[in-house]
Amino acid sequence: MAVTVLSPAERDKLDRSDDSLFYAEPRFVHHLDASFRARLTQLYRERIPACAVVLDLMSSWVSHLPEDITYQEVIGHGLNAEELSANPRLDRHWLQNLNTTQQLPLADHSVDAVLIVAGWQYLQQPEAVAAELLRVVRPRGEVIVAFSNRMFFQKAPQIWTDGSDRDHLAYVAEVLTAQGWPTPQLVAEETPAPGVLGWIGGKGDPFFAVIATKP
């Protein structure tokens, strides 16, 4: 059983309709800027070995993994079949609404790295998801939760919409540790604006990540 962290009010969101309806139409766009995406790819290069089985949870048409590295397997999950089918990095994928069903169709200790990019902020049952990830990740495997300051406001639970960037980092870490993950590493960095604006000190999307390693 997952350890409860959120109250019912903190799980509530403005748009209570079925999430599958919101994501029914594919969105072949980047929701985060080029600087954020480059920093994310760099982090993956540093943390994920080529021999890894990777689970890209809450994925879309792009996984942000280094293009020059071939992993043992990359498994995708999401809510839009067209986006997942268009993702060239995925070896296989499945559809599942994690706000209604949290159990993952994966064997115990079968994954080396779990990626969640700009997705955690939409989870209404994050405790159960974190507990499932502890089950499926192998010893010394990692969960990497990355996000910026963007969201679909109407689809994010109150715990996220009411919080600051610092609150978001603390919240993700609290949920993970409550389910048995050791104290995660927190990353908070500025990124330069893409293009000319970056040359004169302009800022891009801020980069935040929570990295937890299973004992």
Foldseek 3Di string as FASTA:
>chain_A
DFDDDDDLQQLDFQDPDDVLVVCADADPDDPFDPQQLVVVQVVCVVAPDLAFEEEEEQDFQERSHDPVGHHPAYEYEHNYPVRVVNNPNHPYYDYDDCQVPQADPAAFQAGQEYEAELHVQQHSPVRSNLLNCLGRHHAQGKYKYKYFLDDPRRRGGNQNNVDDPVSVQVVNQVSNVSSPFPRWDKDWAWTADPDPRSVVPHTGTIMIMTMTTHD
